[in-house]
């Protein structure tokens, strides 16, 4: 009975050690990168998070910088801006 209890405690300890090693900031082996992936650069600019807006005609969500404005609404294309909001 004592051996079973010690074995269970060993497994619990092993679980917590492995979980601690898999934390994102923890040092350790890193996942292999694909050959076509560029290597991360220190000091490289981080992409800004952009607001997504829904097209007033079809409801498609597009980045605000790529949307077309018209009549106080956002549209996914010039054609949908011309057609106007769907009722």
N, C-alpha and C. Protein backbone atom coordinates (compact mmCIF):
# COMPACT_ATOMS: atom_id res chain seq x y z
N UNK A 1 0.84 -1.19 0.00
CA UNK A 1 0.00 0.00 0.00
C UNK A 1 0.88 1.25 0.00
N UNK A 2 1.96 1.20 0.81
CA UNK A 2 2.84 2.35 0.90
C UNK A 2 3.52 2.62 -0.45
N UNK A 3 3.89 1.57 -1.16
CA UNK A 3 4.55 1.73 -2.46
C UNK A 3 3.62 2.37 -3.49
N UNK A 4 2.37 2.02 -3.47
CA UNK A 4 1.40 2.61 -4.39
C UNK A 4 1.25 4.11 -4.12
N UNK A 5 1.17 4.46 -2.85
CA UNK A 5 1.05 5.87 -2.47
C UNK A 5 2.28 6.66 -2.90
N UNK A 6 3.47 6.10 -2.70
CA UNK A 6 4.70 6.77 -3.14
C UNK A 6 4.74 6.91 -4.66
N UNK A 7 4.29 5.91 -5.37
CA UNK A 7 4.26 5.97 -6.83
C UNK A 7 3.31 7.07 -7.32
N UNK A 8 2.15 7.19 -6.69
CA UNK A 8 1.20 8.25 -7.05
C UNK A 8 1.79 9.62 -6.77
N UNK A 9 2.45 9.78 -5.62
CA UNK A 9 3.10 11.06 -5.30
C UNK A 9 4.20 11.38 -6.31
N UNK A 10 4.95 10.37 -6.74
CA UNK A 10 5.98 10.56 -7.76
C UNK A 10 5.37 11.05 -9.07
N UNK A 11 4.26 10.45 -9.48
CA UNK A 11 3.60 10.87 -10.72
C UNK A 11 3.08 12.30 -10.63
N UNK A 12 2.53 12.68 -9.49
CA UNK A 12 2.05 14.05 -9.29
C UNK A 12 3.22 15.03 -9.37
N UNK A 13 4.33 14.69 -8.73
CA UNK A 13 5.51 15.56 -8.79
C UNK A 13 6.04 15.69 -10.21
N UNK A 14 6.07 14.59 -10.94
CA UNK A 14 6.52 14.61 -12.33
C UNK A 14 5.61 15.49 -13.18
N UNK A 15 4.31 15.42 -12.94
CA UNK A 15 3.35 16.26 -13.67
C UNK A 15 3.65 17.74 -13.46
N UNK A 16 3.88 18.16 -12.22
CA UNK A 16 4.14 19.57 -11.94
C UNK A 16 5.48 20.03 -12.50
N UNK A 17 6.48 19.18 -12.48
CA UNK A 17 7.78 19.55 -13.06
C UNK A 17 7.65 19.75 -14.56
N UNK A 18 7.00 18.84 -15.24
CA UNK A 18 6.81 18.97 -16.69
C UNK A 18 6.00 20.21 -17.03
N UNK A 19 4.96 20.49 -16.26
CA UNK A 19 4.13 21.67 -16.50
C UNK A 19 4.93 22.95 -16.32
N UNK A 20 5.81 22.99 -15.31
CA UNK A 20 6.65 24.16 -15.07
C UNK A 20 7.63 24.38 -16.21
N UNK A 21 8.15 23.29 -16.78
CA UNK A 21 9.10 23.41 -17.88
C UNK A 21 8.45 23.83 -19.19
N UNK A 22 7.17 23.63 -19.33
CA UNK A 22 6.47 23.98 -20.57
C UNK A 22 5.92 25.40 -20.56
N UNK A 23 6.16 26.17 -19.54
CA UNK A 23 5.70 27.56 -19.51
C UNK A 23 6.36 28.33 -20.63
N UNK A 24 5.67 29.34 -21.20
CA UNK A 24 6.24 30.09 -22.33
C UNK A 24 7.56 30.78 -22.01
N UNK A 25 7.74 31.32 -20.83
CA UNK A 25 8.95 32.04 -20.50
C UNK A 25 10.06 31.17 -19.95
N UNK A 26 9.78 29.91 -19.73
CA UNK A 26 10.77 29.03 -19.13
C UNK A 26 11.83 28.63 -20.15
N UNK A 27 13.10 28.58 -19.72
CA UNK A 27 14.13 28.11 -20.65
C UNK A 27 13.98 26.63 -20.91
N UNK A 28 14.39 26.21 -22.07
CA UNK A 28 14.29 24.80 -22.40
C UNK A 28 14.28 24.63 -23.89
N UNK A 29 14.07 23.41 -24.35
CA UNK A 29 14.07 23.17 -25.79
C UNK A 29 12.91 23.89 -26.45
N UNK A 30 13.18 24.49 -27.60
CA UNK A 30 12.16 25.21 -28.33
C UNK A 30 11.65 24.34 -29.46
N UNK A 31 10.42 24.63 -29.89
CA UNK A 31 9.84 23.89 -31.00
C UNK A 31 10.62 24.19 -32.27
N UNK A 32 10.86 23.19 -33.10
CA UNK A 32 11.60 23.43 -34.34
C UNK A 32 10.82 24.35 -35.28
N UNK A 33 11.56 25.25 -35.93
CA UNK A 33 10.93 26.16 -36.88
C UNK A 33 10.92 25.54 -38.26
N UNK A 34 9.96 25.96 -39.07
CA UNK A 34 9.93 25.55 -40.46
C UNK A 34 11.05 26.26 -41.20
N UNK A 35 11.57 25.67 -42.27
CA UNK A 35 12.66 26.27 -43.02
C UNK A 35 12.28 27.59 -43.67
N UNK A 36 11.01 27.72 -44.07
CA UNK A 36 10.59 28.95 -44.74
C UNK A 36 10.20 30.06 -43.77
N UNK A 37 10.19 29.78 -42.47
CA UNK A 37 9.88 30.80 -41.47
C UNK A 37 11.09 31.67 -41.22
N UNK A 38 10.93 32.99 -41.25
CA UNK A 38 12.08 33.84 -40.94
C UNK A 38 12.41 33.77 -39.45
N UNK A 39 13.67 33.92 -39.14
CA UNK A 39 14.11 33.90 -37.75
C UNK A 39 13.65 35.18 -37.06
N UNK A 40 13.15 35.10 -35.82
CA UNK A 40 12.73 36.31 -35.13
C UNK A 40 13.93 37.21 -34.85
N UNK A 41 13.74 38.49 -35.02
CA UNK A 41 14.80 39.47 -34.83
C UNK A 41 14.54 40.25 -33.55
N UNK A 42 15.58 40.49 -32.80
CA UNK A 42 15.43 41.33 -31.60
C UNK A 42 15.28 42.77 -32.04
N UNK A 43 14.38 43.48 -31.41
CA UNK A 43 14.18 44.89 -31.71
C UNK A 43 13.34 45.11 -32.96
N UNK A 44 12.82 44.04 -33.57
CA UNK A 44 11.98 44.20 -34.76
C UNK A 44 10.64 44.79 -34.34
N UNK A 45 10.07 45.66 -35.16
CA UNK A 45 8.79 46.26 -34.80
C UNK A 45 7.68 45.22 -34.72
N UNK A 46 6.82 45.38 -33.75
CA UNK A 46 5.70 44.47 -33.55
C UNK A 46 4.51 45.02 -34.33
N UNK A 47 3.80 44.15 -35.02
CA UNK A 47 2.63 44.58 -35.79
C UNK A 47 1.57 45.14 -34.85
N UNK A 48 0.99 46.24 -35.24
CA UNK A 48 -0.05 46.87 -34.43
C UNK A 48 -1.37 46.12 -34.60
N UNK A 49 -2.12 46.04 -33.54
CA UNK A 49 -3.43 45.42 -33.58
C UNK A 49 -4.39 46.43 -34.20
N UNK A 50 -5.16 45.97 -35.17
CA UNK A 50 -6.03 46.88 -35.91
C UNK A 50 -7.50 46.56 -35.66
N UNK A 51 -8.31 47.57 -35.65
CA UNK A 51 -9.75 47.44 -35.44
C UNK A 51 -10.39 46.78 -36.65
N UNK A 52 -11.25 45.79 -36.41
CA UNK A 52 -12.00 45.14 -37.49
C UNK A 52 -13.39 45.74 -37.52
N UNK A 53 -13.90 46.03 -38.72
CA UNK A 53 -15.22 46.62 -38.88
C UNK A 53 -16.05 45.73 -39.79
N UNK A 54 -17.35 45.73 -39.59
CA UNK A 54 -18.25 44.91 -40.40
C UNK A 54 -18.78 45.73 -41.57
N UNK A 55 -18.87 45.09 -42.72
CA UNK A 55 -19.44 45.73 -43.91
C UNK A 55 -20.94 45.94 -43.66
N UNK A 56 -21.42 47.15 -43.95
CA UNK A 56 -22.84 47.46 -43.73
C UNK A 56 -23.74 46.73 -44.71
N UNK A 57 -23.17 46.22 -45.80
CA UNK A 57 -24.00 45.54 -46.81
C UNK A 57 -24.04 44.02 -46.57
N UNK A 58 -22.85 43.38 -46.43
CA UNK A 58 -22.83 41.92 -46.34
C UNK A 58 -22.43 41.39 -44.97
N UNK A 59 -21.87 42.25 -44.09
CA UNK A 59 -21.50 41.83 -42.75
C UNK A 59 -20.11 41.26 -42.63
N UNK A 60 -19.35 41.20 -43.73
CA UNK A 60 -17.98 40.70 -43.70
C UNK A 60 -17.11 41.62 -42.86
N UNK A 61 -16.28 41.06 -41.98
CA UNK A 61 -15.38 41.85 -41.16
C UNK A 61 -14.06 42.04 -41.89
N UNK A 62 -13.64 43.29 -42.02
CA UNK A 62 -12.37 43.64 -42.68
C UNK A 62 -11.62 44.61 -41.78
N UNK A 63 -10.27 44.69 -41.92
CA UNK A 63 -9.52 45.68 -41.15
C UNK A 63 -9.96 47.09 -41.54
N UNK A 64 -9.97 47.97 -40.58
CA UNK A 64 -10.46 49.34 -40.82
C UNK A 64 -9.64 50.04 -41.90
N UNK A 65 -8.34 49.76 -41.98
CA UNK A 65 -7.51 50.43 -42.98
C UNK A 65 -7.83 49.95 -44.40
N UNK A 66 -8.40 48.75 -44.55
CA UNK A 66 -8.74 48.23 -45.88
C UNK A 66 -10.20 48.46 -46.23
N UNK A 67 -10.99 49.00 -45.33
CA UNK A 67 -12.41 49.19 -45.59
C UNK A 67 -12.63 50.47 -46.39
N UNK A 68 -13.83 50.56 -46.97
CA UNK A 68 -14.25 51.74 -47.73
C UNK A 68 -15.33 52.43 -46.92
N UNK A 69 -15.15 53.73 -46.67
CA UNK A 69 -16.15 54.47 -45.91
C UNK A 69 -17.12 55.17 -46.84
N UNK A 70 -18.35 55.21 -46.41
CA UNK A 70 -19.37 55.90 -47.20
C UNK A 70 -20.63 56.06 -46.38
N UNK A 71 -21.11 57.28 -46.28
CA UNK A 71 -22.36 57.54 -45.56
C UNK A 71 -22.28 57.19 -44.09
N UNK A 72 -21.11 57.32 -43.48
CA UNK A 72 -20.96 57.03 -42.07
C UNK A 72 -20.86 55.54 -41.75
N UNK A 73 -20.78 54.70 -42.76
CA UNK A 73 -20.66 53.25 -42.56
C UNK A 73 -19.40 52.74 -43.21
N UNK A 74 -19.03 51.52 -42.87
CA UNK A 74 -17.88 50.87 -43.47
C UNK A 74 -18.36 49.79 -44.43
N UNK A 75 -17.62 49.61 -45.52
CA UNK A 75 -17.95 48.61 -46.52
C UNK A 75 -16.69 47.83 -46.88
N UNK A 76 -16.88 46.60 -47.37
CA UNK A 76 -15.73 45.77 -47.73
C UNK A 76 -15.21 46.08 -49.12
N UNK A 77 -16.01 46.69 -49.97
CA UNK A 77 -15.58 47.01 -51.33
C UNK A 77 -16.33 48.23 -51.83
N UNK A 78 -15.83 48.77 -52.93
CA UNK A 78 -16.46 49.93 -53.55
C UNK A 78 -17.85 49.57 -54.07
N UNK A 79 -18.01 48.35 -54.57
CA UNK A 79 -19.30 47.89 -55.09
C UNK A 79 -20.36 47.87 -53.97
N UNK A 80 -20.01 47.38 -52.80
CA UNK A 80 -20.96 47.36 -51.69
C UNK A 80 -21.25 48.76 -51.17
N UNK A 81 -20.26 49.66 -51.25
CA UNK A 81 -20.53 51.05 -50.86
C UNK A 81 -21.53 51.66 -51.81
N UNK A 82 -21.40 51.35 -53.11
CA UNK A 82 -22.32 51.88 -54.11
C UNK A 82 -23.74 51.33 -53.88
N UNK A 83 -23.85 50.04 -53.50
CA UNK A 83 -25.16 49.43 -53.26
C UNK A 83 -25.81 49.92 -51.97
N UNK A 84 -25.00 50.37 -51.02
CA UNK A 84 -25.51 50.90 -49.75
C UNK A 84 -25.81 49.81 -48.75
N UNK A 85 -26.25 50.22 -47.56
CA UNK A 85 -26.52 49.23 -46.50
C UNK A 85 -27.72 48.35 -46.85
N UNK A 86 -27.62 47.10 -46.48
CA UNK A 86 -28.72 46.17 -46.72
C UNK A 86 -29.78 46.37 -45.65
N UNK A 87 -31.02 46.37 -46.06
CA UNK A 87 -32.11 46.60 -45.10
C UNK A 87 -32.60 45.33 -44.48
